[in-house]
Amino acid sequence: MRRFSAIAVLRPCPLALLVSLLVFSASVADAQTTMRVRGTITAFEGNVLAIKARDGNNLKVELTEKAAVAAVQAVKLSDIKPGDAVGSATRRRSDGTLVALEVHVFPANRPIPSEGHRPWDLEPGSMMTNARVTAVVQATDGRELTLTYKDGSQKILVPEGVPVVTAVPAERSALRPGEHVFLIADVSVDGKVIASGRIQVSKDGVRPPM
């Protein structure tokens, strides 16, 4: 009986192995970071997209099979109505008013991605609100949109002339040198920049404004 007990003690514990694997996987996940890439395409060869980022850095982004492409199209501010799902990057004016830097309209009948109100990096101090339009009011210097999400709402002034866009599915052939792109990528532990989500690309001079 003692020998059997000794052998049993030396056997690997499945639960311990599972815990170790989970800890290792979490460590790898924590080591990865995400980055928002804004810039101009300089080349696209195979699955590697070369981009001159807005900060001047030259990036090479590997596109996975899951990476999709969407071309940006202009939308009239007057076409936005209650019930529409939109996102808006904003800056806060000295009087406390949130003023839109851009507005992007999400496809209808789909969940709102990353719904809520949070910091953004379009410019220092900017915010992003992804929500449902619940009211539209004409203002002297534009339109005021009330954007309502699960935990609250924000009133955002959209001045005339602010870029208002939507994105429609496109082929990878739209990723041509000279076009502007916006994407969110993962940076692996070895420094590779990998994109698996949607890549927004300019079309007919309309750029991704976010």
C-alpha atoms as a PDB file:
ATOM      1  CA  MET A   1       0.000   0.000   0.000  1.00  0.00           C
ATOM      2  CA  ARG A   2       2.815   2.369   0.762  1.00  0.00           C
ATOM      3  CA  ARG A   3       4.421   1.758  -2.633  1.00  0.00           C
ATOM      4  CA  PHE A   4       1.170   2.496  -4.401  1.00  0.00           C
ATOM      5  CA  SER A   5       0.770   5.689  -2.393  1.00  0.00           C
ATOM      6  CA  ALA A   6       4.276   6.802  -3.328  1.00  0.00           C
ATOM      7  CA  ILE A   7       3.612   6.131  -6.998  1.00  0.00           C
ATOM      8  CA  ALA A   8       0.323   8.015  -6.805  1.00  0.00           C
ATOM      9  CA  VAL A   9       2.082  11.040  -5.371  1.00  0.00           C
ATOM     10  CA  LEU A  10       4.541  11.084  -8.251  1.00  0.00           C
ATOM     11  CA  ARG A  11       1.846  10.976 -10.923  1.00  0.00           C
ATOM     12  CA  PRO A  12       1.137  14.296 -12.669  1.00  0.00           C
ATOM     13  CA  CYS A  13      -2.083  15.917 -11.487  1.00  0.00           C
ATOM     14  CA  PRO A  14      -4.370  16.771 -14.442  1.00  0.00           C
ATOM     15  CA  LEU A  15      -5.818  19.718 -12.552  1.00  0.00           C
ATOM     16  CA  ALA A  16      -2.365  21.128 -11.844  1.00  0.00           C
ATOM     17  CA  LEU A  17      -1.423  20.772 -15.514  1.00  0.00           C
ATOM     18  CA  LEU A  18      -4.609  22.544 -16.553  1.00  0.00           C
ATOM     19  CA  VAL A  19      -3.949  25.401 -14.149  1.00  0.00           C
ATOM     20  CA  SER A  20      -0.383  25.719 -15.439  1.00  0.00           C
ATOM     21  CA  LEU A  21      -1.606  25.875 -19.039  1.00  0.00           C
ATOM     22  CA  LEU A  22      -4.177  28.523 -18.178  1.00  0.00           C
ATOM     23  CA  VAL A  23      -1.580  30.619 -16.378  1.00  0.00           C
ATOM     24  CA  PHE A  24       0.791  30.296 -19.342  1.00  0.00           C
ATOM     25  CA  SER A  25      -1.940  31.240 -21.823  1.00  0.00           C
ATOM     26  CA  ALA A  26      -2.913  34.252 -19.716  1.00  0.00           C
ATOM     27  CA  SER A  27       0.728  35.345 -19.528  1.00  0.00           C
ATOM     28  CA  VAL A  28       1.050  35.190 -23.330  1.00  0.00           C
ATOM     29  CA  ALA A  29      -2.208  37.096 -23.768  1.00  0.00           C
ATOM     30  CA  ASP A  30      -1.102  39.750 -21.287  1.00  0.00           C
ATOM     31  CA  ALA A  31       2.198  40.113 -23.137  1.00  0.00           C
ATOM     32  CA  GLN A  32       0.364  41.051 -26.341  1.00  0.00           C
ATOM     33  CA  THR A  33      -0.819  44.602 -26.827  1.00  0.00           C
ATOM     34  CA  THR A  34      -3.145  46.313 -29.264  1.00  0.00           C
ATOM     35  CA  MET A  35      -2.462  49.435 -31.267  1.00  0.00           C
ATOM     36  CA  ARG A  36      -4.495  51.721 -33.481  1.00  0.00           C
ATOM     37  CA  VAL A  37      -2.809  52.348 -36.805  1.00  0.00           C
ATOM     38  CA  ARG A  38      -3.528  55.451 -38.877  1.00  0.00           C
ATOM     39  CA  GLY A  39      -1.496  56.176 -41.957  1.00  0.00           C
ATOM     40  CA  THR A  40      -0.891  55.889 -45.686  1.00  0.00           C
ATOM     41  CA  ILE A  41      -0.315  52.641 -47.564  1.00  0.00           C
ATOM     42  CA  THR A  42       3.113  52.437 -49.189  1.00  0.00           C
ATOM     43  CA  ALA A  43       2.907  48.839 -50.427  1.00  0.00           C
ATOM     44  CA  PHE A  44       0.815  45.682 -50.226  1.00  0.00           C
ATOM     45  CA  GLU A  45       2.531  42.412 -51.074  1.00  0.00           C
ATOM     46  CA  GLY A  46       1.163  38.983 -50.223  1.00  0.00           C
ATOM     47  CA  ASN A  47      -0.457  39.424 -46.841  1.00  0.00           C
ATOM     48  CA  VAL A  48       1.848  42.224 -45.635  1.00  0.00           C
ATOM     49  CA  LEU A  49       0.572  45.788 -45.655  1.00  0.00           C
ATOM     50  CA  ALA A  50       3.272  48.469 -45.450  1.00  0.00           C
ATOM     51  CA  ILE A  51       2.061  51.711 -43.869  1.00  0.00           C
ATOM     52  CA  LYS A  52       3.616  55.101 -43.227  1.00  0.00           C
ATOM     53  CA  ALA A  53       1.998  55.848 -39.871  1.00  0.00           C
ATOM     54  CA  ARG A  54       0.904  59.355 -38.923  1.00  0.00           C
ATOM     55  CA  ASP A  55       3.769  59.543 -36.408  1.00  0.00           C
ATOM     56  CA  GLY A  56       6.249  58.945 -39.232  1.00  0.00           C
ATOM     57  CA  ASN A  57       7.055  55.326 -38.415  1.00  0.00           C
ATOM     58  CA  ASN A  58       7.105  52.721 -41.166  1.00  0.00           C
ATOM     59  CA  LEU A  59       5.026  49.704 -40.172  1.00  0.00           C
ATOM     60  CA  LYS A  60       4.539  46.293 -41.683  1.00  0.00           C
ATOM     61  CA  VAL A  61       1.183  44.765 -40.764  1.00  0.00           C
ATOM     62  CA  GLU A  62       0.503  41.088 -41.370  1.00  0.00           C
ATOM     63  CA  LEU A  63      -3.096  40.419 -42.383  1.00  0.00           C
ATOM     64  CA  THR A  64      -4.654  37.163 -41.232  1.00  0.00           C
ATOM     65  CA  GLU A  65      -7.315  35.324 -43.223  1.00  0.00           C
ATOM     66  CA  LYS A  66      -9.941  36.883 -40.942  1.00  0.00           C
ATOM     67  CA  ALA A  67      -8.927  40.447 -41.801  1.00  0.00           C
ATOM     68  CA  ALA A  68     -11.674  42.215 -43.760  1.00  0.00           C
ATOM     69  CA  VAL A  69     -11.553  45.415 -45.792  1.00  0.00           C
ATOM     70  CA  ALA A  70     -14.122  48.224 -45.781  1.00  0.00           C
ATOM     71  CA  ALA A  71     -14.125  51.312 -47.983  1.00  0.00           C
ATOM     72  CA  VAL A  72     -15.141  54.636 -46.454  1.00  0.00           C
ATOM     73  CA  GLN A  73     -18.003  56.634 -47.959  1.00  0.00           C
ATOM     74  CA  ALA A  74     -19.315  60.068 -47.079  1.00  0.00           C
ATOM     75  CA  VAL A  75     -22.720  60.446 -45.390  1.00  0.00           C
ATOM     76  CA  LYS A  76     -24.811  63.598 -45.009  1.00  0.00           C
ATOM     77  CA  LEU A  77     -25.180  64.826 -41.451  1.00  0.00           C
ATOM     78  CA  SER A  78     -28.837  65.519 -42.227  1.00  0.00           C
ATOM     79  CA  ASP A  79     -29.373  61.808 -42.936  1.00  0.00           C
ATOM     80  CA  ILE A  80     -28.625  60.791 -39.326  1.00  0.00           C
ATOM     81  CA  LYS A  81     -31.839  60.144 -37.425  1.00  0.00           C
ATOM     82  CA  PRO A  82     -32.979  58.659 -34.101  1.00  0.00           C
ATOM     83  CA  GLY A  83     -32.443  54.916 -34.037  1.00  0.00           C
ATOM     84  CA  ASP A  84     -29.196  55.028 -36.010  1.00  0.00           C
ATOM     85  CA  ALA A  85     -26.081  53.510 -34.469  1.00  0.00           C
ATOM     86  CA  VAL A  86     -23.079  55.818 -34.646  1.00  0.00           C
ATOM     87  CA  GLY A  87     -19.676  56.447 -33.184  1.00  0.00           C
ATOM     88  CA  SER A  88     -18.117  59.854 -32.648  1.00  0.00           C
ATOM     89  CA  ALA A  89     -14.687  61.003 -31.579  1.00  0.00           C
ATOM     90  CA  THR A  90     -14.984  64.248 -29.615  1.00  0.00           C
ATOM     91  CA  ARG A  91     -13.081  66.973 -27.838  1.00  0.00           C
ATOM     92  CA  ARG A  92     -14.463  68.885 -24.855  1.00  0.00           C
ATOM     93  CA  ARG A  93     -14.913  72.609 -25.340  1.00  0.00           C
ATOM     94  CA  SER A  94     -14.129  75.098 -22.561  1.00  0.00           C
ATOM     95  CA  ASP A  95     -17.840  75.348 -21.726  1.00  0.00           C
ATOM     96  CA  GLY A  96     -18.027  71.568 -21.269  1.00  0.00           C
ATOM     97  CA  THR A  97     -19.701  70.816 -24.593  1.00  0.00           C
ATOM     98  CA  LEU A  98     -18.568  67.686 -26.391  1.00  0.00           C
ATOM     99  CA  VAL A  99     -17.802  68.661 -29.989  1.00  0.00           C
ATOM    100  CA  ALA A 100     -17.486  66.003 -32.679  1.00  0.00           C
ATOM    101  CA  LEU A 101     -14.212  65.581 -34.514  1.00  0.00           C
ATOM    102  CA  GLU A 102     -15.888  63.002 -36.752  1.00  0.00           C
ATOM    103  CA  VAL A 103     -18.968  60.771 -36.912  1.00  0.00           C
ATOM    104  CA  HIS A 104     -19.112  57.267 -38.341  1.00  0.00           C
ATOM    105  CA  VAL A 105     -22.374  55.451 -38.960  1.00  0.00           C
ATOM    106  CA  PHE A 106     -22.479  51.726 -38.178  1.00  0.00           C
ATOM    107  CA  PRO A 107     -24.341  49.207 -40.379  1.00  0.00           C
ATOM    108  CA  ALA A 108     -28.011  48.845 -39.484  1.00  0.00           C
ATOM    109  CA  ASN A 109     -29.362  45.795 -37.648  1.00  0.00           C
ATOM    110  CA  ARG A 110     -26.019  44.888 -36.083  1.00  0.00           C
ATOM    111  CA  PRO A 111     -24.791  45.172 -32.491  1.00  0.00           C
ATOM    112  CA  ILE A 112     -22.934  48.387 -31.706  1.00  0.00           C
ATOM    113  CA  PRO A 113     -19.222  47.547 -31.348  1.00  0.00           C
ATOM    114  CA  SER A 114     -17.554  48.608 -28.080  1.00  0.00           C
ATOM    115  CA  GLU A 115     -20.707  50.433 -26.987  1.00  0.00           C
ATOM    116  CA  GLY A 116     -20.107  53.182 -24.450  1.00  0.00           C
ATOM    117  CA  HIS A 117     -18.056  56.307 -23.756  1.00  0.00           C
ATOM    118  CA  ARG A 118     -14.292  56.050 -23.291  1.00  0.00           C
ATOM    119  CA  PRO A 119     -10.938  57.777 -23.911  1.00  0.00           C
ATOM    120  CA  TRP A 120      -9.677  57.861 -27.490  1.00  0.00           C
ATOM    121  CA  ASP A 121      -6.399  58.801 -29.146  1.00  0.00           C
ATOM    122  CA  LEU A 122      -7.401  60.776 -32.232  1.00  0.00           C
ATOM    123  CA  GLU A 123      -5.939  63.781 -30.458  1.00  0.00           C
ATOM    124  CA  PRO A 124      -4.869  64.436 -26.842  1.00  0.00           C
ATOM    125  CA  GLY A 125      -7.851  64.363 -24.508  1.00  0.00           C
ATOM    126  CA  SER A 126     -10.287  63.074 -27.109  1.00  0.00           C
ATOM    127  CA  MET A 127     -13.113  60.658 -26.299  1.00  0.00           C
ATOM    128  CA  MET A 128     -15.070  58.078 -28.289  1.00  0.00           C
ATOM    129  CA  THR A 129     -18.788  57.406 -27.914  1.00  0.00           C
ATOM    130  CA  ASN A 130     -20.394  54.434 -29.654  1.00  0.00           C
ATOM    131  CA  ALA A 131     -24.127  54.453 -29.077  1.00  0.00           C
ATOM    132  CA  ARG A 132     -27.653  54.755 -30.453  1.00  0.00           C
ATOM    133  CA  VAL A 133     -28.994  58.130 -31.558  1.00  0.00           C
ATOM    134  CA  THR A 134     -32.030  58.941 -29.417  1.00  0.00           C
ATOM    135  CA  ALA A 135     -32.513  62.609 -30.341  1.00  0.00           C
ATOM    136  CA  VAL A 136     -31.424  65.064 -33.025  1.00  0.00           C
ATOM    137  CA  VAL A 137     -31.746  68.804 -32.435  1.00  0.00           C
ATOM    138  CA  GLN A 138     -30.845  71.585 -34.852  1.00  0.00           C
ATOM    139  CA  ALA A 139     -28.306  73.952 -33.300  1.00  0.00           C
ATOM    140  CA  THR A 140     -27.062  77.340 -34.444  1.00  0.00           C
ATOM    141  CA  ASP A 141     -23.667  75.906 -35.368  1.00  0.00           C
ATOM    142  CA  GLY A 142     -24.610  72.371 -36.400  1.00  0.00           C
ATOM    143  CA  ARG A 143     -26.700  69.543 -34.975  1.00  0.00           C
ATOM    144  CA  GLU A 144     -26.808  68.148 -31.473  1.00  0.00           C
ATOM    145  CA  LEU A 145     -26.993  64.369 -31.247  1.00  0.00           C
ATOM    146  CA  THR A 146     -28.011  62.608 -28.068  1.00  0.00           C
ATOM    147  CA  LEU A 147     -26.186  59.269 -27.989  1.00  0.00           C
ATOM    148  CA  THR A 148     -27.536  56.734 -25.514  1.00  0.00           C
ATOM    149  CA  TYR A 149     -25.728  53.581 -24.408  1.00  0.00           C
ATOM    150  CA  LYS A 150     -26.262  51.008 -21.669  1.00  0.00           C
ATOM    151  CA  ASP A 151     -24.867  53.026 -18.756  1.00  0.00           C
ATOM    152  CA  GLY A 152     -25.630  56.586 -19.803  1.00  0.00           C
ATOM    153  CA  SER A 153     -25.812  59.125 -22.593  1.00  0.00           C
ATOM    154  CA  GLN A 154     -23.875  62.014 -24.100  1.00  0.00           C
ATOM    155  CA  LYS A 155     -24.963  65.103 -26.007  1.00  0.00           C
ATOM    156  CA  ILE A 156     -22.575  65.804 -28.862  1.00  0.00           C
ATOM    157  CA  LEU A 157     -22.498  68.895 -31.042  1.00  0.00           C
ATOM    158  CA  VAL A 158     -21.667  68.076 -34.656  1.00  0.00           C
ATOM    159  CA  PRO A 159     -20.635  71.254 -36.511  1.00  0.00           C
ATOM    160  CA  GLU A 160     -21.242  71.545 -40.230  1.00  0.00           C
ATOM    161  CA  GLY A 161     -18.229  70.320 -42.189  1.00  0.00           C
ATOM    162  CA  VAL A 162     -17.167  67.637 -39.688  1.00  0.00           C
ATOM    163  CA  PRO A 163     -16.467  64.353 -41.536  1.00  0.00           C
ATOM    164  CA  VAL A 164     -19.460  61.998 -41.433  1.00  0.00           C
ATOM    165  CA  VAL A 165     -18.839  58.579 -42.974  1.00  0.00           C
ATOM    166  CA  THR A 166     -19.852  54.966 -43.144  1.00  0.00           C
ATOM    167  CA  ALA A 167     -17.863  51.907 -44.240  1.00  0.00           C
ATOM    168  CA  VAL A 168     -18.967  49.308 -46.782  1.00  0.00           C
ATOM    169  CA  PRO A 169     -17.378  45.917 -47.576  1.00  0.00           C
ATOM    170  CA  ALA A 170     -14.548  46.020 -50.119  1.00  0.00           C
ATOM    171  CA  GLU A 171     -11.948  43.710 -51.647  1.00  0.00           C
ATOM    172  CA  ARG A 172      -8.299  43.629 -50.648  1.00  0.00           C
ATOM    173  CA  SER A 173      -7.537  45.167 -54.038  1.00  0.00           C
ATOM    174  CA  ALA A 174      -8.731  48.441 -52.459  1.00  0.00           C
ATOM    175  CA  LEU A 175      -5.543  48.462 -50.352  1.00  0.00           C
ATOM    176  CA  ARG A 176      -3.504  50.455 -52.841  1.00  0.00           C
ATOM    177  CA  PRO A 177      -0.425  52.627 -52.250  1.00  0.00           C
ATOM    178  CA  GLY A 178      -1.430  56.194 -51.476  1.00  0.00           C
ATOM    179  CA  GLU A 179      -4.724  55.263 -49.823  1.00  0.00           C
ATOM    180  CA  HIS A 180      -5.291  56.070 -46.154  1.00  0.00           C
ATOM    181  CA  VAL A 181      -6.149  53.393 -43.612  1.00  0.00           C
ATOM    182  CA  PHE A 182      -7.336  52.939 -40.065  1.00  0.00           C
ATOM    183  CA  LEU A 183      -7.067  49.603 -38.289  1.00  0.00           C
ATOM    184  CA  ILE A 184      -6.596  48.029 -34.894  1.00  0.00           C
ATOM    185  CA  ALA A 185      -3.799  45.477 -34.694  1.00  0.00           C
ATOM    186  CA  ASP A 186      -2.239  43.133 -32.166  1.00  0.00           C
ATOM    187  CA  VAL A 187       1.457  43.471 -31.379  1.00  0.00           C
ATOM    188  CA  SER A 188       2.929  40.089 -30.465  1.00  0.00           C
ATOM    189  CA  VAL A 189       5.717  39.480 -27.973  1.00  0.00           C
ATOM    190  CA  ASP A 190       8.246  39.362 -30.817  1.00  0.00           C
ATOM    191  CA  GLY A 191       7.114  42.721 -32.181  1.00  0.00           C
ATOM    192  CA  LYS A 192       4.999  41.532 -35.119  1.00  0.00           C
ATOM    193  CA  VAL A 193       2.007  43.701 -35.952  1.00  0.00           C
ATOM    194  CA  ILE A 194      -0.938  41.500 -36.896  1.00  0.00           C
ATOM    195  CA  ALA A 195      -4.396  42.575 -38.081  1.00  0.00           C
ATOM    196  CA  SER A 196      -7.354  40.204 -37.850  1.00  0.00           C
ATOM    197  CA  GLY A 197     -10.217  42.710 -37.787  1.00  0.00           C
ATOM    198  CA  ARG A 198     -11.595  45.276 -40.205  1.00  0.00           C
ATOM    199  CA  ILE A 199      -9.288  47.557 -42.153  1.00  0.00           C
ATOM    200  CA  GLN A 200     -10.912  50.809 -43.192  1.00  0.00           C
ATOM    201  CA  VAL A 201      -9.472  52.349 -46.344  1.00  0.00           C
ATOM    202  CA  SER A 202     -10.079  55.626 -48.140  1.00  0.00           C
ATOM    203  CA  LYS A 203     -11.991  55.764 -51.406  1.00  0.00           C
ATOM    204  CA  ASP A 204     -12.502  58.643 -53.830  1.00  0.00           C
ATOM    205  CA  GLY A 205     -10.703  60.965 -51.436  1.00  0.00           C
ATOM    206  CA  VAL A 206     -12.879  60.119 -48.416  1.00  0.00           C
ATOM    207  CA  ARG A 207     -10.570  59.080 -45.564  1.00  0.00           C
ATOM    208  CA  PRO A 208     -11.238  57.108 -42.379  1.00  0.00           C
ATOM    209  CA  PRO A 209     -11.560  60.058 -39.966  1.00  0.00           C
ATOM    210  CA  MET A 210     -11.430  58.212 -36.647  1.00  0.00           C
END
